[in-house]
Amino acid sequence: MALNFNQYALEGNTFLKEYTKEMNLGNDRDKAGRILTSILHALRDIIPTEESLQLIAQLPLFLKGVYVNGWNIKKEKPKVKHMAEFLDLVRQHDGPAAVNDFEYSDERAERYVDTTFIYLRKHISLGEMEDIRDSLPKDLKSMIYSNLMF
């Protein structure tokens, strides 16, 4: 199988351009990329490794790289049971840029999470989204449940 890295780059750039538009971030693809990465990394921190591997299998190559970058599967999973804790974890993964990216607003951060899962649904099967939702703590299921049908 020949690898066509130009095609992967084109698909990744197209995805990021459309995602930036969905997030209402104008042309700030850097910000969109940071937000996407921090949400995916926070998700992988709280779902079981087996579920992450099933998710990765459905992601396009350019998103696989984003998802696994810096991943340590032996790292202990944080105890995240509520949306506020998840949003804190997202901000933690965003690092110093979180102040500008999320503007100290849980409402904005939650909207970004919702929009991200709606957008990812284009690449992830309904069954896999349900499996991810089922692996989440009770108070976090709504971040996927409310977005499943899109």
N, C-alpha and C. Protein backbone atom coordinates (compact mmCIF):
# COMPACT_ATOMS: atom_id res chain seq x y z
N MET A 1 0.84 -1.18 0.00
CA MET A 1 0.00 0.00 0.00
C MET A 1 0.89 1.24 0.00
N ALA A 2 0.69 2.09 -0.96
CA ALA A 2 1.45 3.33 -1.07
C ALA A 2 0.87 4.37 -0.11
N LEU A 3 1.74 5.10 0.53
CA LEU A 3 1.30 6.18 1.42
C LEU A 3 1.30 7.48 0.65
N ASN A 4 0.21 8.18 0.72
CA ASN A 4 0.09 9.46 0.03
C ASN A 4 -0.05 10.56 1.08
N PHE A 5 1.08 11.01 1.58
CA PHE A 5 1.07 11.99 2.66
C PHE A 5 0.47 13.32 2.22
N ASN A 6 0.59 13.66 0.96
CA ASN A 6 -0.04 14.90 0.47
C ASN A 6 -1.55 14.82 0.61
N GLN A 7 -2.12 13.65 0.33
CA GLN A 7 -3.57 13.46 0.46
C GLN A 7 -3.99 13.58 1.93
N TYR A 8 -3.20 12.99 2.84
CA TYR A 8 -3.52 13.08 4.27
C TYR A 8 -3.46 14.53 4.74
N ALA A 9 -2.45 15.25 4.25
CA ALA A 9 -2.32 16.66 4.62
C ALA A 9 -3.51 17.46 4.08
N LEU A 10 -3.91 17.19 2.86
CA LEU A 10 -5.06 17.88 2.27
C LEU A 10 -6.32 17.59 3.08
N GLU A 11 -6.55 16.32 3.42
CA GLU A 11 -7.72 15.95 4.22
C GLU A 11 -7.68 16.63 5.59
N GLY A 12 -6.51 16.65 6.20
CA GLY A 12 -6.37 17.29 7.51
C GLY A 12 -6.63 18.78 7.45
N ASN A 13 -6.09 19.43 6.44
CA ASN A 13 -6.31 20.88 6.29
C ASN A 13 -7.77 21.20 5.99
N THR A 14 -8.41 20.37 5.18
CA THR A 14 -9.83 20.56 4.88
C THR A 14 -10.67 20.38 6.14
N PHE A 15 -10.37 19.33 6.90
CA PHE A 15 -11.08 19.09 8.15
C PHE A 15 -10.93 20.29 9.08
N LEU A 16 -9.69 20.75 9.27
CA LEU A 16 -9.45 21.85 10.20
C LEU A 16 -10.13 23.14 9.74
N LYS A 17 -10.14 23.39 8.44
CA LYS A 17 -10.82 24.57 7.91
C LYS A 17 -12.32 24.51 8.21
N GLU A 18 -12.93 23.35 7.96
CA GLU A 18 -14.37 23.19 8.20
C GLU A 18 -14.68 23.21 9.70
N TYR A 19 -13.83 22.59 10.49
CA TYR A 19 -14.01 22.58 11.95
C TYR A 19 -13.92 24.00 12.50
N THR A 20 -12.96 24.77 12.01
CA THR A 20 -12.81 26.16 12.44
C THR A 20 -14.08 26.95 12.14
N LYS A 21 -14.65 26.72 10.99
CA LYS A 21 -15.89 27.38 10.61
C LYS A 21 -17.04 26.95 11.53
N GLU A 22 -17.15 25.65 11.79
CA GLU A 22 -18.20 25.13 12.68
C GLU A 22 -18.09 25.73 14.08
N MET A 23 -16.87 25.97 14.51
CA MET A 23 -16.62 26.51 15.85
C MET A 23 -16.79 28.02 15.91
N ASN A 24 -17.08 28.65 14.78
CA ASN A 24 -17.22 30.11 14.70
C ASN A 24 -15.96 30.83 15.17
N LEU A 25 -14.82 30.36 14.68
CA LEU A 25 -13.54 30.94 15.07
C LEU A 25 -12.91 31.76 13.94
N GLY A 26 -13.71 32.17 12.99
CA GLY A 26 -13.17 32.95 11.87
C GLY A 26 -12.18 32.12 11.08
N ASN A 27 -10.96 32.61 10.96
CA ASN A 27 -9.89 31.88 10.26
C ASN A 27 -8.80 31.40 11.21
N ASP A 28 -9.09 31.38 12.50
CA ASP A 28 -8.07 31.03 13.50
C ASP A 28 -7.94 29.51 13.63
N ARG A 29 -7.28 28.90 12.65
CA ARG A 29 -7.11 27.45 12.65
C ARG A 29 -6.20 26.98 13.77
N ASP A 30 -5.25 27.83 14.18
CA ASP A 30 -4.38 27.44 15.29
C ASP A 30 -5.20 27.24 16.56
N LYS A 31 -6.10 28.17 16.83
CA LYS A 31 -6.96 28.07 18.01
C LYS A 31 -7.86 26.84 17.88
N ALA A 32 -8.45 26.63 16.72
CA ALA A 32 -9.31 25.47 16.50
C ALA A 32 -8.53 24.17 16.73
N GLY A 33 -7.31 24.13 16.24
CA GLY A 33 -6.47 22.94 16.41
C GLY A 33 -6.15 22.68 17.87
N ARG A 34 -5.87 23.73 18.62
CA ARG A 34 -5.58 23.57 20.05
C ARG A 34 -6.82 23.06 20.79
N ILE A 35 -7.97 23.63 20.46
CA ILE A 35 -9.21 23.23 21.13
C ILE A 35 -9.54 21.77 20.80
N LEU A 36 -9.47 21.40 19.52
CA LEU A 36 -9.73 20.03 19.11
C LEU A 36 -8.79 19.06 19.83
N THR A 37 -7.52 19.37 19.82
CA THR A 37 -6.53 18.51 20.46
C THR A 37 -6.80 18.36 21.95
N SER A 38 -7.09 19.45 22.62
CA SER A 38 -7.30 19.39 24.07
C SER A 38 -8.57 18.59 24.41
N ILE A 39 -9.61 18.70 23.59
CA ILE A 39 -10.83 17.92 23.84
C ILE A 39 -10.58 16.44 23.59
N LEU A 40 -9.89 16.11 22.50
CA LEU A 40 -9.59 14.70 22.23
C LEU A 40 -8.69 14.10 23.30
N HIS A 41 -7.71 14.86 23.76
CA HIS A 41 -6.80 14.34 24.79
C HIS A 41 -7.52 14.18 26.13
N ALA A 42 -8.41 15.09 26.45
CA ALA A 42 -9.19 14.95 27.69
C ALA A 42 -10.09 13.72 27.60
N LEU A 43 -10.70 13.51 26.44
CA LEU A 43 -11.55 12.34 26.25
C LEU A 43 -10.75 11.06 26.43
N ARG A 44 -9.60 10.97 25.78
CA ARG A 44 -8.80 9.74 25.86
C ARG A 44 -8.31 9.50 27.29
N ASP A 45 -8.17 10.58 28.08
CA ASP A 45 -7.76 10.43 29.47
C ASP A 45 -8.82 9.76 30.33
N ILE A 46 -10.08 9.90 29.95
CA ILE A 46 -11.13 9.40 30.84
C ILE A 46 -11.85 8.15 30.34
N ILE A 47 -11.69 7.80 29.07
CA ILE A 47 -12.35 6.57 28.60
C ILE A 47 -11.34 5.43 28.68
N PRO A 48 -11.86 4.20 28.77
CA PRO A 48 -10.95 3.05 28.84
C PRO A 48 -10.06 2.95 27.60
N THR A 49 -8.87 2.44 27.78
CA THR A 49 -7.92 2.29 26.67
C THR A 49 -8.53 1.49 25.53
N GLU A 50 -9.24 0.42 25.84
CA GLU A 50 -9.87 -0.39 24.80
C GLU A 50 -10.84 0.44 23.97
N GLU A 51 -11.57 1.32 24.62
CA GLU A 51 -12.52 2.18 23.90
C GLU A 51 -11.77 3.18 23.03
N SER A 52 -10.65 3.70 23.54
CA SER A 52 -9.82 4.60 22.73
C SER A 52 -9.33 3.90 21.47
N LEU A 53 -8.91 2.66 21.60
CA LEU A 53 -8.41 1.92 20.44
C LEU A 53 -9.51 1.69 19.41
N GLN A 54 -10.73 1.43 19.88
CA GLN A 54 -11.84 1.27 18.96
C GLN A 54 -12.17 2.60 18.26
N LEU A 55 -12.07 3.69 19.00
CA LEU A 55 -12.29 5.01 18.41
C LEU A 55 -11.22 5.32 17.37
N ILE A 56 -9.98 5.08 17.72
CA ILE A 56 -8.87 5.36 16.79
C ILE A 56 -9.07 4.62 15.48
N ALA A 57 -9.58 3.40 15.54
CA ALA A 57 -9.77 2.60 14.33
C ALA A 57 -10.69 3.29 13.34
N GLN A 58 -11.59 4.15 13.82
CA GLN A 58 -12.53 4.82 12.93
C GLN A 58 -12.07 6.21 12.49
N LEU A 59 -11.06 6.73 13.12
CA LEU A 59 -10.61 8.09 12.79
C LEU A 59 -9.79 8.10 11.51
N PRO A 60 -9.93 9.16 10.73
CA PRO A 60 -9.03 9.33 9.58
C PRO A 60 -7.59 9.48 10.09
N LEU A 61 -6.63 9.16 9.23
CA LEU A 61 -5.23 9.14 9.65
C LEU A 61 -4.79 10.43 10.33
N PHE A 62 -5.19 11.58 9.80
CA PHE A 62 -4.72 12.84 10.38
C PHE A 62 -5.26 13.03 11.80
N LEU A 63 -6.45 12.50 12.11
CA LEU A 63 -6.98 12.60 13.47
C LEU A 63 -6.38 11.55 14.39
N LYS A 64 -5.99 10.42 13.85
CA LYS A 64 -5.31 9.40 14.65
C LYS A 64 -4.05 10.00 15.27
N GLY A 65 -3.30 10.72 14.45
CA GLY A 65 -2.07 11.34 14.93
C GLY A 65 -2.33 12.35 16.03
N VAL A 66 -3.37 13.14 15.88
CA VAL A 66 -3.73 14.12 16.90
C VAL A 66 -4.09 13.40 18.20
N TYR A 67 -4.88 12.34 18.07
CA TYR A 67 -5.38 11.62 19.24
C TYR A 67 -4.25 10.98 20.04
N VAL A 68 -3.30 10.34 19.36
CA VAL A 68 -2.27 9.57 20.08
C VAL A 68 -1.05 10.40 20.45
N ASN A 69 -0.90 11.59 19.91
CA ASN A 69 0.28 12.40 20.20
C ASN A 69 0.44 12.61 21.71
N GLY A 70 1.55 12.14 22.25
CA GLY A 70 1.85 12.32 23.66
C GLY A 70 1.11 11.37 24.60
N TRP A 71 0.43 10.39 24.07
CA TRP A 71 -0.39 9.47 24.87
C TRP A 71 0.49 8.51 25.65
N ASN A 72 0.22 8.37 26.92
CA ASN A 72 0.88 7.39 27.77
C ASN A 72 -0.22 6.51 28.35
N ILE A 73 -0.42 5.33 27.77
CA ILE A 73 -1.54 4.50 28.19
C ILE A 73 -1.35 3.91 29.59
N LYS A 74 -0.15 3.98 30.13
CA LYS A 74 0.10 3.48 31.48
C LYS A 74 -0.20 4.54 32.55
N LYS A 75 -0.40 5.76 32.11
CA LYS A 75 -0.70 6.85 33.03
C LYS A 75 -2.04 6.59 33.71
N GLU A 76 -2.10 6.86 34.99
CA GLU A 76 -3.35 6.68 35.74
C GLU A 76 -4.41 7.66 35.24
N LYS A 77 -5.62 7.17 35.09
CA LYS A 77 -6.71 8.00 34.58
C LYS A 77 -7.20 8.94 35.68
N PRO A 78 -7.42 10.21 35.33
CA PRO A 78 -7.95 11.14 36.33
C PRO A 78 -9.39 10.79 36.68
N LYS A 79 -9.78 11.12 37.90
CA LYS A 79 -11.15 10.88 38.35
C LYS A 79 -12.01 12.07 37.94
N VAL A 80 -12.63 11.95 36.80
CA VAL A 80 -13.48 13.02 36.27
C VAL A 80 -14.90 12.50 36.22
N LYS A 81 -15.78 13.14 36.99
CA LYS A 81 -17.16 12.67 37.05
C LYS A 81 -18.18 13.73 36.64
N HIS A 82 -17.77 14.96 36.58
CA HIS A 82 -18.69 16.05 36.27
C HIS A 82 -18.14 16.91 35.13
N MET A 83 -19.05 17.62 34.46
CA MET A 83 -18.66 18.44 33.31
C MET A 83 -17.61 19.48 33.70
N ALA A 84 -17.75 20.10 34.83
CA ALA A 84 -16.77 21.12 35.25
C ALA A 84 -15.37 20.51 35.34
N GLU A 85 -15.27 19.29 35.84
CA GLU A 85 -13.98 18.61 35.94
C GLU A 85 -13.43 18.27 34.55
N PHE A 86 -14.33 17.86 33.66
CA PHE A 86 -13.90 17.57 32.29
C PHE A 86 -13.39 18.84 31.61
N LEU A 87 -14.11 19.94 31.80
CA LEU A 87 -13.67 21.20 31.19
C LEU A 87 -12.33 21.64 31.76
N ASP A 88 -12.11 21.41 33.06
CA ASP A 88 -10.80 21.72 33.65
C ASP A 88 -9.70 20.87 33.01
N LEU A 89 -10.01 19.60 32.73
CA LEU A 89 -9.05 18.71 32.09
C LEU A 89 -8.76 19.17 30.66
N VAL A 90 -9.80 19.60 29.96
CA VAL A 90 -9.61 20.14 28.60
C VAL A 90 -8.68 21.35 28.67
N ARG A 91 -8.94 22.26 29.59
CA ARG A 91 -8.09 23.45 29.73
C ARG A 91 -6.65 23.07 30.09
N GLN A 92 -6.50 22.07 30.93
CA GLN A 92 -5.17 21.61 31.32
C GLN A 92 -4.40 21.13 30.09
N HIS A 93 -5.08 20.41 29.21
CA HIS A 93 -4.42 19.93 27.99
C HIS A 93 -4.12 21.09 27.03
N ASP A 94 -4.87 22.14 27.11
CA ASP A 94 -4.64 23.30 26.24
C ASP A 94 -3.47 24.14 26.74
N GLY A 95 -3.10 23.97 27.99
CA GLY A 95 -1.96 24.67 28.56
C GLY A 95 -2.20 26.17 28.69
N PRO A 96 -1.14 26.96 28.55
CA PRO A 96 -1.26 28.42 28.74
C PRO A 96 -2.24 29.07 27.77
N ALA A 97 -2.47 28.48 26.61
CA ALA A 97 -3.38 29.07 25.63
C ALA A 97 -4.84 28.99 26.08
N ALA A 98 -5.13 28.18 27.09
CA ALA A 98 -6.52 27.98 27.54
C ALA A 98 -7.18 29.30 27.94
N VAL A 99 -6.40 30.20 28.51
CA VAL A 99 -6.96 31.49 28.92
C VAL A 99 -7.57 32.21 27.73
N ASN A 100 -6.87 32.22 26.62
CA ASN A 100 -7.38 32.88 25.41
C ASN A 100 -8.39 32.01 24.67
N ASP A 101 -8.17 30.71 24.64
CA ASP A 101 -9.03 29.83 23.86
C ASP A 101 -10.42 29.69 24.47
N PHE A 102 -10.50 29.62 25.78
CA PHE A 102 -11.79 29.40 26.44
C PHE A 102 -12.29 30.60 27.23
N GLU A 103 -11.45 31.61 27.38
CA GLU A 103 -11.82 32.90 27.99
C GLU A 103 -12.50 32.75 29.36
N TYR A 104 -12.04 31.82 30.18
CA TYR A 104 -12.59 31.61 31.52
C TYR A 104 -14.09 31.34 31.51
N SER A 105 -14.62 30.86 30.43
CA SER A 105 -16.06 30.66 30.29
C SER A 105 -16.38 29.18 30.16
N ASP A 106 -17.04 28.61 31.19
CA ASP A 106 -17.47 27.22 31.10
C ASP A 106 -18.52 27.07 30.00
N GLU A 107 -19.34 28.08 29.82
CA GLU A 107 -20.37 28.04 28.78
C GLU A 107 -19.73 27.92 27.40
N ARG A 108 -18.72 28.72 27.15
CA ARG A 108 -18.01 28.67 25.87
C ARG A 108 -17.31 27.32 25.71
N ALA A 109 -16.64 26.87 26.76
CA ALA A 109 -15.93 25.60 26.70
C ALA A 109 -16.89 24.44 26.44
N GLU A 110 -18.03 24.46 27.09
CA GLU A 110 -19.02 23.40 26.89
C GLU A 110 -19.58 23.44 25.46
N ARG A 111 -19.77 24.63 24.94
CA ARG A 111 -20.23 24.77 23.56
C ARG A 111 -19.19 24.21 22.59
N TYR A 112 -17.91 24.47 22.86
CA TYR A 112 -16.85 23.91 22.03
C TYR A 112 -16.85 22.38 22.09
N VAL A 113 -17.05 21.82 23.27
CA VAL A 113 -17.11 20.37 23.42
C VAL A 113 -18.29 19.81 22.63
N ASP A 114 -19.46 20.42 22.79
CA ASP A 114 -20.65 19.97 22.06
C ASP A 114 -20.42 20.02 20.55
N THR A 115 -19.91 21.14 20.06
CA THR A 115 -19.69 21.30 18.63
C THR A 115 -18.67 20.29 18.12
N THR A 116 -17.66 20.02 18.92
CA THR A 116 -16.63 19.05 18.52
C THR A 116 -17.23 17.66 18.35
N PHE A 117 -18.05 17.23 19.30
CA PHE A 117 -18.64 15.89 19.18
C PHE A 117 -19.63 15.82 18.04
N ILE A 118 -20.36 16.88 17.80
CA ILE A 118 -21.26 16.90 16.64
C ILE A 118 -20.44 16.77 15.36
N TYR A 119 -19.35 17.50 15.28
CA TYR A 119 -18.52 17.46 14.08
C TYR A 119 -17.82 16.11 13.90
N LEU A 120 -17.35 15.53 15.00
CA LEU A 120 -16.68 14.23 14.92
C LEU A 120 -17.63 13.13 14.49
N ARG A 121 -18.90 13.32 14.71
CA ARG A 121 -19.90 12.31 14.31
C ARG A 121 -19.83 12.02 12.81
N LYS A 122 -19.29 12.95 12.03
CA LYS A 122 -19.13 12.73 10.59
C LYS A 122 -18.12 11.62 10.29
N HIS A 123 -17.25 11.34 11.27
CA HIS A 123 -16.18 10.37 11.07
C HIS A 123 -16.31 9.14 11.96
N ILE A 124 -17.22 9.18 12.91
CA ILE A 124 -17.35 8.11 13.89
C ILE A 124 -18.77 7.54 13.81
N SER A 125 -18.88 6.24 13.80
CA SER A 125 -20.19 5.60 13.69
C SER A 125 -21.05 5.87 14.92
N LEU A 126 -22.34 5.78 14.72
CA LEU A 126 -23.28 5.96 15.82
C LEU A 126 -23.00 4.94 16.92
N GLY A 127 -22.72 3.71 16.53
CA GLY A 127 -22.44 2.67 17.51
C GLY A 127 -21.22 2.98 18.36
N GLU A 128 -20.17 3.50 17.73
CA GLU A 128 -18.97 3.86 18.49
C GLU A 128 -19.24 5.05 19.41
N MET A 129 -20.01 6.01 18.94
CA MET A 129 -20.37 7.15 19.80
C MET A 129 -21.15 6.66 21.01
N GLU A 130 -22.05 5.70 20.79
CA GLU A 130 -22.81 5.14 21.91
C GLU A 130 -21.89 4.41 22.87
N ASP A 131 -20.91 3.67 22.35
CA ASP A 131 -19.96 2.96 23.20
C ASP A 131 -19.14 3.95 24.04
N ILE A 132 -18.72 5.04 23.43
CA ILE A 132 -17.97 6.06 24.18
C ILE A 132 -18.86 6.63 25.27
N ARG A 133 -20.09 6.98 24.89
CA ARG A 133 -21.03 7.54 25.87
C ARG A 133 -21.22 6.57 27.04
N ASP A 134 -21.38 5.29 26.73
CA ASP A 134 -21.61 4.29 27.77
C ASP A 134 -20.43 4.14 28.71
N SER A 135 -19.23 4.49 28.25
CA SER A 135 -18.04 4.36 29.10
C SER A 135 -17.80 5.60 29.97
N LEU A 136 -18.58 6.64 29.75
CA LEU A 136 -18.41 7.89 30.50
C LEU A 136 -19.17 7.84 31.83
N PRO A 137 -18.69 8.60 32.82
CA PRO A 137 -19.46 8.73 34.06
C PRO A 137 -20.84 9.34 33.78
N LYS A 138 -21.78 9.04 34.62
CA LYS A 138 -23.18 9.44 34.44
C LYS A 138 -23.35 10.91 34.07
N ASP A 139 -22.68 11.80 34.77
CA ASP A 139 -22.86 13.23 34.54
C ASP A 139 -22.19 13.74 33.26
N LEU A 140 -21.40 12.90 32.60
CA LEU A 140 -20.75 13.31 31.35
C LEU A 140 -21.41 12.71 30.11
N LYS A 141 -22.31 11.78 30.30
CA LYS A 141 -22.96 11.12 29.16
C LYS A 141 -23.67 12.13 28.25
N SER A 142 -24.18 13.20 28.82
CA SER A 142 -24.95 14.18 28.03
C SER A 142 -24.09 14.87 26.98
N MET A 143 -22.78 14.96 27.18
CA MET A 143 -21.96 15.64 26.17
C MET A 143 -21.93 14.85 24.88
N ILE A 144 -22.24 13.58 24.94
CA ILE A 144 -22.32 12.78 23.72
C ILE A 144 -23.77 12.45 23.41
N TYR A 145 -24.54 12.14 24.41
CA TYR A 145 -25.92 11.73 24.21
C TYR A 145 -26.71 12.78 23.42
N SER A 146 -26.57 14.02 23.80
CA SER A 146 -27.35 15.07 23.14
C SER A 146 -26.89 15.30 21.71
N ASN A 147 -25.74 14.77 21.35
CA ASN A 147 -25.19 15.03 20.02
C ASN A 147 -25.19 13.81 19.09
N LEU A 148 -25.73 12.69 19.57
CA LEU A 148 -25.63 11.45 18.79
C LEU A 148 -26.33 11.48 17.44
N MET A 149 -27.43 12.14 17.34
CA MET A 149 -28.23 12.04 16.14
C MET A 149 -27.78 12.96 15.01
N PHE A 150 -26.77 13.77 15.25
CA PHE A 150 -26.33 14.70 14.21
C PHE A 150 -25.35 14.04 13.28
